[in-house]
C-alpha cells in the first residue's frame, strides 16, 4: 500500500503541517505541566486533556506513513538510517534529561539530598528497557520500526486487529509501570495504520471536506470534551474510538494549517524540537518563577503555556541549527562509528 512519490513542494504538505501541529501540542502539554509549579494553568490542563486524543495518535500515524520502504530494506540500512540515530539521541538526551529533571524536581520542592547520583545513573543505564521522560516516544518509534519489519510477513489485517484490541484495552485504563511500555501498547496500532493504510490516509488528506468528514471532526470534539468531563476514560473502547476520530480531525486540521507560516517547516524537522524542548521549558520555568513577584507577570499568566511552548520550539530549532556545524552536532546526529560498528 504505497503512493507514487511526489515532489516535496506539492507532495503532501499537510503531512508536515500535521507533524508540526503534533509537536506544537506536545510542547504545549509539557509547558502547561511544568508551569503549573508556579502558575495557574488549570484551563490549559483542561484544553490539553481534550487535545490528547489528537496529539500522539496523529504523530504515530504520520510516523508510519512513509515507513514502508524499510520493510524491504536490509537490517543494515535500517540501522544506518534510522535505528542508530534513535539509539544515540535516546542515550545522549536521556543523560541531559536526567540533569534537567533534577532541576525540575527542585523547582517542585524536592530537596537536593533526595537525589542520589548512583540512582540517577542507574535509571539512565536501565532506560533502554525502562524509558523515561518524553524520550519514550523515540524508544517506541525504534521498537515500532523493528517490530514492523519482523512482522512484515504477517497479514496486515491480523496485525491491525490485534494491535487495535491491545490499544483499546491500554487506552481504557490498562496501565503498565512504565510510560514507554504503556505507550507501545497504546500507539503501535496507529503506527501500523500509517504504514498499512497509507493510501487511505493520503486519500483522506486529498478528499474534499463534506458532511461525513465534518461529522467525524464534530464527533471527535464532542467525545474529547465529554470523556474527561464525565469521567468516561475507562469505558472499554471509547477512548480508542476517540483517538481514531482524533486522527481524522488531525488530518483535516492539518490541511487548514498548511499555510500557517513556519508550521510545515517545523513539522519537517521535529526531532530536534522533540529532543530539546523539555529542558528548555524547565529552565524557562525556573527563570519565570524567580522573576514572579519581581516583574509583573500576572497579565501574561493566561497565555504563558503557549508562549513558553513557542519559545521552546524556536530555541530548540536555533540550538540544533547552531550545533549542526560544530562539535555539538553529536547531540542530534549519531557518530559514523556507531553505524560502522553495528554493520561489522
Protein backbone atom coordinates (compact mmCIF):
# COMPACT_ATOMS: atom_id res chain seq x y z
CA UNK A 1 0.00 0.00 0.00
CA UNK A 2 2.16 2.84 -1.25
CA UNK A 3 1.57 6.04 -3.14
CA UNK A 4 3.58 7.23 -6.09
CA UNK A 5 6.39 9.51 -4.95
CA UNK A 6 5.73 13.21 -5.34
CA UNK A 7 7.91 16.28 -5.11
CA UNK A 8 8.20 17.76 -1.65
CA UNK A 9 6.72 21.09 -2.72
CA UNK A 10 3.43 19.69 -3.91
CA UNK A 11 3.75 16.41 -2.13
CA UNK A 12 1.57 16.15 0.92
CA UNK A 13 2.28 19.44 2.68
CA UNK A 14 -0.49 18.69 5.11
CA UNK A 15 1.66 15.81 6.42
CA UNK A 16 4.39 18.23 7.51
CA UNK A 17 1.72 20.59 8.83
CA UNK A 18 0.26 17.66 10.79
CA UNK A 19 3.64 16.81 12.27
CA UNK A 20 4.10 20.47 13.11
CA UNK A 21 0.70 20.55 14.78
CA UNK A 22 1.52 17.43 16.79
CA UNK A 23 4.89 18.70 18.03
CA UNK A 24 3.38 22.08 18.96
CA UNK A 25 0.72 20.28 21.01
CA UNK A 26 3.40 18.13 22.67
CA UNK A 27 5.40 21.24 23.60
CA UNK A 28 2.22 22.93 24.85
CA UNK A 29 1.44 19.89 27.01
CA UNK A 30 4.88 19.92 28.63
CA UNK A 31 4.87 23.70 29.06
CA UNK A 32 1.48 23.51 30.78
CA UNK A 33 2.69 20.72 33.04
CA UNK A 34 5.89 22.41 34.19
CA UNK A 35 4.42 25.91 34.51
CA UNK A 36 1.80 24.56 36.91
CA UNK A 37 4.57 24.53 39.54
CA UNK A 38 4.36 28.30 39.90
CA UNK A 39 1.35 29.46 37.92
CA UNK A 40 -2.32 28.64 37.48
CA UNK A 41 -2.59 26.55 34.30
CA UNK A 42 -5.92 24.87 35.06
CA UNK A 43 -7.59 26.00 31.84
CA UNK A 44 -4.66 24.81 29.74
CA UNK A 45 -4.67 21.43 31.50
CA UNK A 46 -8.32 21.07 30.52
CA UNK A 47 -7.52 22.00 26.93
CA UNK A 48 -4.63 19.54 26.91
CA UNK A 49 -6.95 16.74 28.03
CA UNK A 50 -9.22 17.50 25.08
CA UNK A 51 -6.32 17.58 22.60
CA UNK A 52 -4.67 14.40 23.93
CA UNK A 53 -6.69 12.20 21.56
CA UNK A 54 -5.24 14.04 18.57
CA UNK A 55 -1.67 14.65 19.71
CA UNK A 56 0.07 11.25 19.87
CA UNK A 57 -2.27 9.20 17.62
CA UNK A 58 -1.68 11.68 14.78
CA UNK A 59 2.06 11.75 15.48
CA UNK A 60 2.38 7.97 15.20
CA UNK A 61 0.14 7.66 12.12
CA UNK A 62 2.29 10.22 10.33
CA UNK A 63 5.47 8.49 11.55
CA UNK A 64 4.29 5.24 9.96
CA UNK A 65 3.07 6.85 6.75
CA UNK A 66 6.36 6.67 4.86
CA UNK A 67 7.95 3.77 6.77
CA UNK A 68 7.01 1.12 4.20
CA UNK A 69 10.34 1.19 2.38
CA UNK A 70 12.11 -0.05 5.50
CA UNK A 71 10.19 -3.32 5.45
CA UNK A 72 12.03 -4.34 2.28
CA UNK A 73 15.35 -2.70 3.17
CA UNK A 74 18.18 -4.62 4.80
CA UNK A 75 18.64 -4.55 8.55
CA UNK A 76 21.94 -2.75 7.97
CA UNK A 77 20.19 0.01 6.02
CA UNK A 78 17.53 0.33 8.71
CA UNK A 79 20.20 0.57 11.39
CA UNK A 80 22.32 3.09 9.49
CA UNK A 81 19.42 5.34 8.53
CA UNK A 82 17.05 5.09 11.48
CA UNK A 83 17.89 2.92 14.46
CA UNK A 84 21.44 4.16 15.13
CA UNK A 85 20.11 7.72 15.31
CA UNK A 86 17.26 6.75 17.63
CA UNK A 87 19.58 4.80 19.93
CA UNK A 88 22.16 7.58 20.04
CA UNK A 89 19.85 10.51 20.73
CA UNK A 90 17.88 8.43 23.22
CA UNK A 91 21.01 7.84 25.31
CA UNK A 92 22.50 11.32 24.90
CA UNK A 93 19.29 13.17 25.64
CA UNK A 94 18.45 10.69 28.37
CA UNK A 95 21.56 11.91 30.18
CA UNK A 96 20.65 15.55 29.53
CA UNK A 97 17.07 14.87 30.58
CA UNK A 98 18.26 13.31 33.84
CA UNK A 99 20.02 16.55 34.77
CA UNK A 100 17.10 18.69 33.62
CA UNK A 101 14.77 16.51 35.67
CA UNK A 102 16.77 17.21 38.82
CA UNK A 103 16.38 20.95 38.18
CA UNK A 104 12.67 20.45 37.58
CA UNK A 105 12.16 18.41 40.73
CA UNK A 106 14.00 21.01 42.80
CA UNK A 107 11.60 23.55 41.33
CA UNK A 108 8.72 21.35 42.50
CA UNK A 109 10.01 21.47 46.07
CA UNK A 110 12.18 18.37 46.34
CA UNK A 111 15.33 18.63 48.45
CA UNK A 112 18.74 18.21 46.81
CA UNK A 113 19.53 15.49 49.35
CA UNK A 114 16.77 13.36 47.81
CA UNK A 115 18.79 12.95 44.60
CA UNK A 116 21.43 10.25 44.57
CA UNK A 117 23.94 10.30 41.69
CA UNK A 118 24.14 6.47 41.68
CA UNK A 119 20.34 6.27 41.45
CA UNK A 120 20.27 8.77 38.59
CA UNK A 121 22.99 6.82 36.78
CA UNK A 122 21.20 3.52 37.37
CA UNK A 123 17.94 4.90 35.96
CA UNK A 124 19.79 6.13 32.87
CA UNK A 125 21.53 2.78 32.37
CA UNK A 126 18.19 0.98 32.66
CA UNK A 127 16.41 3.40 30.32
CA UNK A 128 16.84 1.16 27.22
CA UNK A 129 14.41 -1.27 28.86
CA UNK A 130 12.55 1.23 31.06
CA UNK A 131 12.44 4.53 29.12
CA UNK A 132 11.96 7.80 30.96
CA UNK A 133 10.68 11.30 30.32
CA UNK A 134 9.30 12.27 26.90
CA UNK A 135 12.05 10.17 25.28
CA UNK A 136 9.74 7.17 25.48
CA UNK A 137 8.48 8.33 22.06
CA UNK A 138 11.93 7.85 20.47
CA UNK A 139 12.25 4.46 22.18
CA UNK A 140 8.80 3.39 20.99
CA UNK A 141 9.45 4.59 17.45
CA UNK A 142 12.63 2.49 17.22
CA UNK A 143 10.73 -0.50 18.57
CA UNK A 144 7.91 0.05 16.07
CA UNK A 145 10.29 0.00 13.10
CA UNK A 146 11.88 -3.23 14.35
CA UNK A 147 8.53 -4.87 15.13
CA UNK A 148 7.03 -3.87 11.78
CA UNK A 149 9.99 -5.37 9.93
CA UNK A 150 9.88 -8.59 11.95
CA UNK A 151 6.13 -8.90 11.34
CA UNK A 152 6.22 -7.99 7.65
CA UNK A 153 5.13 -11.48 6.55
CA UNK A 154 2.12 -11.49 8.87
CA UNK A 155 -1.17 -10.46 7.26
CA UNK A 156 -1.57 -6.70 7.94
CA UNK A 157 -5.22 -7.28 8.81
CA UNK A 158 -4.17 -9.58 11.65
CA UNK A 159 -1.54 -7.10 12.83
CA UNK A 160 -4.01 -4.22 12.85
CA UNK A 161 -6.74 -6.23 14.57
CA UNK A 162 -4.51 -7.50 17.38
CA UNK A 163 -2.83 -4.11 17.85
CA UNK A 164 -6.23 -2.38 17.90
CA UNK A 165 -7.56 -4.72 20.60
CA UNK A 166 -4.44 -4.15 22.71
CA UNK A 167 -4.68 -0.39 22.16
CA UNK A 168 -8.36 -0.31 23.11
CA UNK A 169 -7.54 -2.06 26.38
CA UNK A 170 -4.50 0.11 27.14
CA UNK A 171 -6.34 3.34 26.33
CA UNK A 172 -9.21 2.27 28.59
CA UNK A 173 -7.08 2.35 31.71
CA UNK A 174 -4.81 -0.69 31.47
CA UNK A 175 -1.53 0.93 32.50
CA UNK A 176 1.89 -0.63 32.94
CA UNK A 177 4.52 0.54 35.47
CA UNK A 178 6.42 2.38 32.72
CA UNK A 179 5.37 5.22 30.42
CA UNK A 180 7.17 3.70 27.44
CA UNK A 181 5.66 0.24 27.84
CA UNK A 182 2.21 1.80 28.09
CA UNK A 183 2.90 3.99 25.07
CA UNK A 184 3.83 0.98 22.93
CA UNK A 185 0.61 -0.81 23.82
CA UNK A 186 -1.49 2.30 23.19
CA UNK A 187 0.01 3.58 19.97
CA UNK A 188 1.52 0.71 17.94
CA UNK A 189 -1.77 0.34 16.07
CA UNK A 190 -1.54 3.96 14.92
CA UNK A 191 1.96 3.43 13.51
CA UNK A 192 0.69 0.30 11.72
CA UNK A 193 -2.30 2.26 10.42
CA UNK A 194 0.02 4.83 8.87
CA UNK A 195 2.12 2.03 7.42
CA UNK A 196 -0.56 -0.28 6.01
CA UNK A 197 -3.42 2.16 5.46
CA UNK A 198 -1.21 4.75 3.82
CA UNK A 199 -3.35 5.13 0.70
CA UNK A 200 -6.48 5.64 2.81
CA UNK A 201 -4.77 8.27 4.96
CA UNK A 202 -3.40 10.13 1.93
CA UNK A 203 -6.79 9.94 0.26
CA UNK A 204 -8.30 11.45 3.39
CA UNK A 205 -5.78 14.26 3.07
CA UNK A 206 -6.90 14.92 -0.51
CA UNK A 207 -10.61 14.44 -0.05
CA UNK A 208 -12.88 17.46 -0.29
CA UNK A 209 -14.49 18.05 3.12
CA UNK A 210 -18.13 17.02 3.22
CA UNK A 211 -20.83 16.23 5.79
CA UNK A 212 -19.20 12.91 6.73
CA UNK A 213 -15.81 14.44 7.50
CA UNK A 214 -17.30 17.43 9.28
CA UNK A 215 -19.38 14.97 11.30
CA UNK A 216 -16.27 12.97 12.23
CA UNK A 217 -14.48 16.11 13.41
CA UNK A 218 -17.55 17.19 15.38
CA UNK A 219 -17.81 13.72 16.94
CA UNK A 220 -14.13 13.89 17.91
CA UNK A 221 -14.59 17.30 19.54
CA UNK A 222 -17.73 16.20 21.40
CA UNK A 223 -16.15 12.98 22.67
CA UNK A 224 -12.90 14.73 23.61
CA UNK A 225 -14.85 17.13 25.81
CA UNK A 226 -17.27 14.55 27.21
CA UNK A 227 -14.71 11.87 28.15
CA UNK A 228 -12.75 13.95 30.72
CA UNK A 229 -15.83 15.94 31.75
CA UNK A 230 -17.88 12.87 32.68
CA UNK A 231 -15.02 10.54 33.63
CA UNK A 232 -15.57 8.14 30.72
CA UNK A 233 -11.91 7.28 30.11
CA UNK A 234 -12.25 3.71 31.39
CA UNK A 235 -15.33 2.84 29.31
CA UNK A 236 -13.95 -0.07 27.22
CA UNK A 237 -13.02 1.03 23.72
CA UNK A 238 -14.47 4.55 23.94
CA UNK A 239 -11.17 6.37 24.25
CA UNK A 240 -9.73 4.30 21.41
CA UNK A 241 -12.60 5.41 19.16
CA UNK A 242 -11.94 8.96 20.35
CA UNK A 243 -8.28 8.63 19.28
CA UNK A 244 -9.23 7.23 15.86
CA UNK A 245 -11.54 10.19 15.33
CA UNK A 246 -8.66 12.36 16.56
CA UNK A 247 -6.53 11.18 13.64
CA UNK A 248 -9.30 12.12 11.19
CA UNK A 249 -9.66 15.51 12.88
CA UNK A 250 -5.89 15.96 12.89
CA UNK A 251 -5.67 15.37 9.15
CA UNK A 252 -8.50 17.82 8.49
CA UNK A 253 -6.98 20.47 10.78
CA UNK A 254 -3.53 19.95 9.23
CA UNK A 255 -4.97 20.68 5.79
CA UNK A 256 -6.26 24.01 7.08
CA UNK A 257 -2.95 24.83 8.79
CA UNK A 258 -0.75 24.20 5.75
CA UNK A 259 -0.48 27.93 5.08
CA UNK A 260 0.42 28.86 8.66
CA UNK A 261 3.94 30.34 8.42
CA UNK A 262 6.72 28.00 9.59
CA UNK A 263 4.40 25.20 10.74
CA UNK A 264 5.19 22.78 7.86
CA UNK A 265 8.90 23.62 8.26
CA UNK A 266 8.69 22.72 11.95
CA UNK A 267 6.88 19.53 11.01
CA UNK A 268 9.65 18.60 8.59
CA UNK A 269 12.21 18.93 11.41
CA UNK A 270 10.50 17.61 14.54
CA UNK A 271 13.34 15.52 16.02
CA UNK A 272 15.46 18.40 17.41
CA UNK A 273 12.31 20.01 18.78
CA UNK A 274 11.22 16.80 20.46
CA UNK A 275 14.65 16.25 22.00
CA UNK A 276 15.34 19.80 23.16
CA UNK A 277 12.06 21.42 24.12
CA UNK A 278 11.56 19.96 27.62
CA UNK A 279 14.94 21.03 29.09
CA UNK A 280 14.32 24.49 27.59
CA UNK A 281 10.83 24.58 29.13
CA UNK A 282 12.19 23.57 32.54
CA UNK A 283 14.89 26.26 32.50
CA UNK A 284 12.41 28.87 31.25
CA UNK A 285 10.01 27.94 34.04
CA UNK A 286 12.78 28.34 36.62
CA UNK A 287 13.50 31.85 35.31
CA UNK A 288 9.81 32.79 35.30
CA UNK A 289 9.26 31.51 38.85
CA UNK A 290 12.27 33.51 40.05
CA UNK A 291 11.00 36.63 38.27
CA UNK A 292 7.45 36.27 39.56
CA UNK A 293 6.90 38.95 42.18
CA UNK A 294 9.84 40.98 40.89
CA UNK A 295 8.44 41.54 37.41
CA UNK A 296 4.66 41.82 36.96
CA UNK A 297 3.73 38.61 35.15
CA UNK A 298 0.04 38.47 36.06
CA UNK A 299 -1.08 39.80 32.71
CA UNK A 300 0.88 37.05 30.93
CA UNK A 301 -0.20 34.10 33.08
CA UNK A 302 -3.28 33.22 30.99
CA UNK A 303 -1.12 32.81 27.88
CA UNK A 304 2.14 31.61 29.44
CA UNK A 305 1.87 27.96 28.29
CA UNK A 306 1.64 28.75 24.54
CA UNK A 307 4.25 31.50 24.88
CA UNK A 308 6.69 29.17 26.63
CA UNK A 309 5.93 26.33 24.21
CA UNK A 310 6.60 28.52 21.16
CA UNK A 311 9.75 29.90 22.80
CA UNK A 312 10.97 26.36 23.47
CA UNK A 313 10.28 25.29 19.88
CA UNK A 314 12.10 28.33 18.49
CA UNK A 315 15.11 27.88 20.77
CA UNK A 316 15.20 24.15 20.01
CA UNK A 317 15.49 24.85 16.28
CA UNK A 318 18.04 27.62 16.83
CA UNK A 319 20.19 25.45 19.11
CA UNK A 320 20.07 22.47 16.75
CA UNK A 321 20.97 24.75 13.84
CA UNK A 322 23.97 26.17 15.71
CA UNK A 323 25.03 22.69 16.84
CA UNK A 324 24.87 21.22 13.34
CA UNK A 325 28.09 22.94 12.29
CA UNK A 326 30.33 22.09 15.21
CA UNK A 327 31.26 19.69 17.95
CA UNK A 328 27.75 19.73 19.39
CA UNK A 329 26.35 18.12 16.26
CA UNK A 330 26.66 14.84 18.18
CA UNK A 331 23.63 15.95 20.18
CA UNK A 332 21.46 15.42 17.11
CA UNK A 333 23.44 13.10 14.87
CA UNK A 334 24.81 9.62 15.58
CA UNK A 335 28.59 9.26 15.17
CA UNK A 336 29.57 7.45 11.98
CA UNK A 337 31.40 4.87 14.07
CA UNK A 338 28.16 3.74 15.66
CA UNK A 339 26.82 2.66 12.26
CA UNK A 340 30.13 1.11 11.24
CA UNK A 341 30.41 -0.93 14.44
CA UNK A 342 26.91 -2.29 14.07
CA UNK A 343 27.45 -3.11 10.40
CA UNK A 344 30.51 -5.29 11.01
